[in-house]
Protein backbone atom coordinates (compact mmCIF):
# COMPACT_ATOMS: atom_id res chain seq x y z
CA UNK A 1 26.32 22.17 -30.21
CA UNK A 2 26.80 25.64 -29.79
CA UNK A 3 25.10 27.40 -26.74
CA UNK A 4 21.73 29.39 -27.39
CA UNK A 5 21.83 32.39 -25.12
CA UNK A 6 19.15 34.65 -24.16
CA UNK A 7 21.08 37.60 -25.96
CA UNK A 8 21.34 35.45 -29.29
CA UNK A 9 17.30 34.89 -29.19
CA UNK A 10 16.80 38.58 -28.11
CA UNK A 11 18.86 39.57 -31.31
CA UNK A 12 17.31 37.42 -33.95
CA UNK A 13 13.88 38.38 -32.67
CA UNK A 14 15.06 42.13 -33.11
CA UNK A 15 16.13 41.25 -36.69
CA UNK A 16 12.93 39.24 -37.59
CA UNK A 17 9.79 40.00 -35.61
CA UNK A 18 10.20 36.27 -35.11
CA UNK A 19 8.28 34.86 -31.90
CA UNK A 20 10.49 33.52 -28.99
CA UNK A 21 10.18 29.92 -29.37
CA UNK A 22 10.37 30.19 -33.14
CA UNK A 23 14.03 31.61 -32.59
CA UNK A 24 14.93 29.45 -30.29
CA UNK A 25 14.02 26.44 -32.92
CA UNK A 26 15.81 28.43 -35.41
CA UNK A 27 19.11 28.77 -33.76
CA UNK A 28 18.89 25.09 -32.43
CA UNK A 29 18.37 23.87 -36.12
CA UNK A 30 20.95 26.01 -37.25
CA UNK A 31 23.32 25.14 -34.58
CA UNK A 32 23.62 29.00 -33.38
CA UNK A 33 24.46 30.28 -36.62
CA UNK A 34 22.29 34.08 -36.52
CA UNK A 35 22.33 34.23 -39.88
CA UNK A 36 21.38 30.79 -41.03
CA UNK A 37 18.74 31.37 -38.36
CA UNK A 38 17.40 34.13 -40.22
CA UNK A 39 17.13 32.18 -43.42
CA UNK A 40 15.68 29.23 -41.30
CA UNK A 41 12.97 31.91 -40.19
CA UNK A 42 12.12 33.17 -43.75
CA UNK A 43 11.97 30.13 -45.29
CA UNK A 44 8.90 29.38 -43.09
CA UNK A 45 7.39 32.63 -43.37
CA UNK A 46 8.15 33.60 -39.82
CA UNK A 47 10.65 36.82 -40.40
CA UNK A 48 7.99 38.26 -42.72
CA UNK A 49 5.85 39.18 -39.84
CA UNK A 50 8.67 41.74 -38.78
CA UNK A 51 7.54 43.57 -41.73
CA UNK A 52 3.67 43.42 -41.86
CA UNK A 53 4.11 44.43 -37.90
CA UNK A 54 4.70 48.26 -38.75
CA UNK A 55 1.40 48.60 -41.02
CA UNK A 56 -1.60 50.11 -40.03
CA UNK A 57 -4.29 47.90 -38.34
CA UNK A 58 -7.71 49.24 -37.92
CA UNK A 59 -10.10 46.89 -39.00
CA UNK A 60 -10.78 43.49 -36.74
CA UNK A 61 -13.04 42.40 -33.86
CA UNK A 62 -14.21 42.92 -30.55
CA UNK A 63 -14.94 39.46 -29.18
CA UNK A 64 -17.09 38.42 -25.74
CA UNK A 65 -16.32 35.41 -23.97
CA UNK A 66 -18.23 34.04 -21.17
CA UNK A 67 -17.39 31.54 -19.00
CA UNK A 68 -19.58 29.61 -16.27
CA UNK A 69 -23.34 30.85 -16.62
CA UNK A 70 -21.95 34.31 -16.62
CA UNK A 71 -19.42 34.47 -13.41
CA UNK A 72 -16.45 35.60 -15.86
CA UNK A 73 -16.95 37.93 -18.95
CA UNK A 74 -13.95 39.16 -21.17
CA UNK A 75 -14.39 41.92 -23.95
CA UNK A 76 -11.15 42.35 -26.17
CA UNK A 77 -10.39 44.09 -29.30
CA UNK A 78 -8.15 42.74 -31.54
CA UNK A 79 -7.25 44.52 -34.86
CA UNK A 80 -5.97 43.73 -37.97
CA UNK A 81 -5.82 45.35 -41.58
CA UNK A 82 -8.76 44.54 -43.32
CA UNK A 83 -12.58 43.64 -42.91
CA UNK A 84 -11.77 40.94 -45.06
CA UNK A 85 -9.24 39.09 -42.59
CA UNK A 86 -11.57 40.14 -39.89
CA UNK A 87 -13.96 37.85 -41.21
CA UNK A 88 -11.93 34.58 -41.94
CA UNK A 89 -12.43 31.81 -39.66
CA UNK A 90 -8.49 31.91 -38.64
CA UNK A 91 -8.93 35.34 -37.04
CA UNK A 92 -11.94 34.80 -35.09
CA UNK A 93 -10.54 31.66 -33.65
CA UNK A 94 -7.70 33.63 -32.62
CA UNK A 95 -9.56 36.22 -30.74
CA UNK A 96 -11.88 33.59 -29.20
CA UNK A 97 -8.71 31.85 -27.88
CA UNK A 98 -6.97 35.45 -26.74
CA UNK A 99 -10.42 36.05 -24.78
CA UNK A 100 -10.66 32.73 -22.98
CA UNK A 101 -7.13 33.19 -22.06
CA UNK A 102 -7.59 36.51 -20.73
CA UNK A 103 -10.72 34.77 -18.64
CA UNK A 104 -7.83 32.11 -17.26
CA UNK A 105 -5.35 34.26 -16.48
CA UNK A 106 -6.58 37.60 -15.19
CA UNK A 107 -3.97 40.11 -16.80
CA UNK A 108 -3.99 43.42 -15.35
CA UNK A 109 -2.06 45.23 -18.43
CA UNK A 110 -1.55 44.47 -22.19
CA UNK A 111 2.47 45.31 -22.03
CA UNK A 112 4.84 46.06 -19.58
CA UNK A 113 5.18 49.53 -20.58
CA UNK A 114 1.79 49.98 -19.11
CA UNK A 115 2.64 49.22 -15.63
CA UNK A 116 2.77 52.59 -13.52
CA UNK A 117 6.19 53.73 -12.31
CA UNK A 118 4.61 53.91 -8.82
CA UNK A 119 3.57 50.08 -8.87
CA UNK A 120 6.60 49.30 -10.25
CA UNK A 121 8.78 50.91 -7.96
CA UNK A 122 6.78 49.45 -5.28
CA UNK A 123 7.12 45.89 -6.39
CA UNK A 124 10.81 46.19 -6.81
CA UNK A 125 11.12 47.32 -3.07
CA UNK A 126 8.73 44.41 -1.97
CA UNK A 127 11.24 41.89 -3.74
CA UNK A 128 14.50 43.76 -2.71
CA UNK A 129 13.09 43.18 0.98
CA UNK A 130 12.07 39.55 0.41
CA UNK A 131 16.05 38.59 -1.01
CA UNK A 132 17.12 40.40 2.23
CA UNK A 133 14.96 38.38 4.71
CA UNK A 134 16.21 35.02 2.68
CA UNK A 135 19.33 36.05 3.52
CA UNK A 136 21.16 37.25 0.03
CA UNK A 137 24.13 39.46 0.31
CA UNK A 138 23.27 42.99 -1.16
CA UNK A 139 25.84 42.73 -3.96
CA UNK A 140 23.28 40.34 -5.89
CA UNK A 141 19.68 41.55 -4.50
CA UNK A 142 19.54 44.19 -7.58
CA UNK A 143 20.29 40.65 -10.02
CA UNK A 144 17.95 38.97 -8.22
CA UNK A 145 15.31 41.96 -8.33
CA UNK A 146 15.40 42.17 -11.93
CA UNK A 147 14.97 38.49 -12.65
CA UNK A 148 11.83 38.31 -10.52
CA UNK A 149 10.87 41.78 -12.14
CA UNK A 150 10.82 39.70 -15.04
CA UNK A 151 8.70 36.79 -13.82
CA UNK A 152 6.13 39.42 -12.40
CA UNK A 153 5.86 40.94 -16.11
CA UNK A 154 4.85 37.32 -17.31
CA UNK A 155 2.14 37.89 -14.52
CA UNK A 156 0.40 40.68 -14.83
CA UNK A 157 1.18 41.67 -18.82
CA UNK A 158 -1.07 39.84 -21.53
CA UNK A 159 1.55 40.03 -24.27
CA UNK A 160 4.28 38.50 -21.84
CA UNK A 161 2.17 35.51 -20.48
CA UNK A 162 2.58 32.21 -21.53
CA UNK A 163 -0.58 31.17 -23.80
CA UNK A 164 -3.12 28.90 -21.82
CA UNK A 165 -3.30 26.44 -24.67
CA UNK A 166 0.51 26.31 -25.65
CA UNK A 167 2.70 27.45 -22.82
CA UNK A 168 5.62 27.20 -24.56
CA UNK A 169 4.65 30.21 -26.50
CA UNK A 170 3.69 33.59 -24.98
CA UNK A 171 0.74 35.50 -26.40
CA UNK A 172 3.40 37.84 -28.21
CA UNK A 173 4.62 34.96 -29.96
CA UNK A 174 1.02 33.97 -30.60
CA UNK A 175 0.03 37.25 -32.49
CA UNK A 176 3.64 36.96 -34.28
CA UNK A 177 2.81 33.62 -35.70
CA UNK A 178 -0.46 34.63 -36.95
CA UNK A 179 0.69 37.51 -38.41
CA UNK A 180 2.85 35.31 -40.64
CA UNK A 181 0.18 32.81 -41.18
CA UNK A 182 -2.49 35.40 -41.90
CA UNK A 183 -0.56 37.76 -43.57
CA UNK A 184 -1.55 41.21 -41.97
CA UNK A 185 -0.60 42.79 -39.31
CA UNK A 186 -2.68 41.92 -36.31
CA UNK A 187 -2.62 43.61 -32.81
CA UNK A 188 -4.34 43.47 -29.25
CA UNK A 189 -5.77 47.10 -28.55
CA UNK A 190 -7.72 46.43 -25.58
CA UNK A 191 -9.37 44.36 -23.11
CA UNK A 192 -11.54 44.34 -20.25
CA UNK A 193 -12.40 41.27 -17.43
CA UNK A 194 -15.17 41.27 -15.50
CA UNK A 195 -15.74 38.69 -12.62
CA UNK A 196 -19.26 38.30 -10.91
CA UNK A 197 -18.99 39.98 -7.07
CA UNK A 198 -15.26 41.40 -7.52
CA UNK A 199 -14.74 43.60 -4.93
CA UNK A 200 -17.29 42.42 -2.50
CA UNK A 201 -16.50 40.36 0.45
CA UNK A 202 -17.68 36.94 0.17
CA UNK A 203 -16.80 32.99 -0.39
CA UNK A 204 -13.52 32.85 -1.83
CA UNK A 205 -13.95 30.71 -5.69
CA UNK A 206 -11.24 30.07 -8.00
CA UNK A 207 -12.88 30.97 -11.30
CA UNK A 208 -9.75 31.36 -13.26
CA UNK A 209 -8.59 27.91 -12.29
CA UNK A 210 -12.12 26.43 -13.76
CA UNK A 211 -11.35 28.17 -16.87
CA UNK A 212 -7.68 26.94 -17.04
CA UNK A 213 -9.33 23.26 -17.00
CA UNK A 214 -11.88 24.29 -19.10
CA UNK A 215 -9.28 25.04 -21.98
CA UNK A 216 -7.28 22.08 -21.23
């Protein structure tokens, strides 16, 4: 069987707009043949999401999720193209899942492009120093930092986080799959997460862990 490289998966994602896990499955099913993988995704309706993703999405819903008797609260706006879709059970379930995910994982940003340059540079400097303290040679530190920054994005950026209900897919994959199923462009526009007593010194309580156990 042909090796399914990250570069091949990336190319398939760029050409089809399908989610990462769907691309991996398509390439595995077609023995790494890119053109056959594109057909595979088209047959399943997943490649069509790429065309829909460019359309204007100005309708949608704002969802509120409250956990633990008011200890964690989330507001999230998810947009679609029509009011009709916004009222469907599938769309409502999607936005509830996203709100619950935010409550559990506490992302700082929607996507990697929103991470401030100063914060990213600081993180890179810290990671480089960590690598030096681990005794790593300078010639590989840059590659190590790049790899760890990818992990950092997965921790702080909502679209790159593994979905709490299905860690094999990211939130970005979830949105792409939903576009294919629902038939309209869907986008997460903004979110806010509140945690009771945040910023006030008090006994440590891991509310995020509690939410995670709830969704499992």
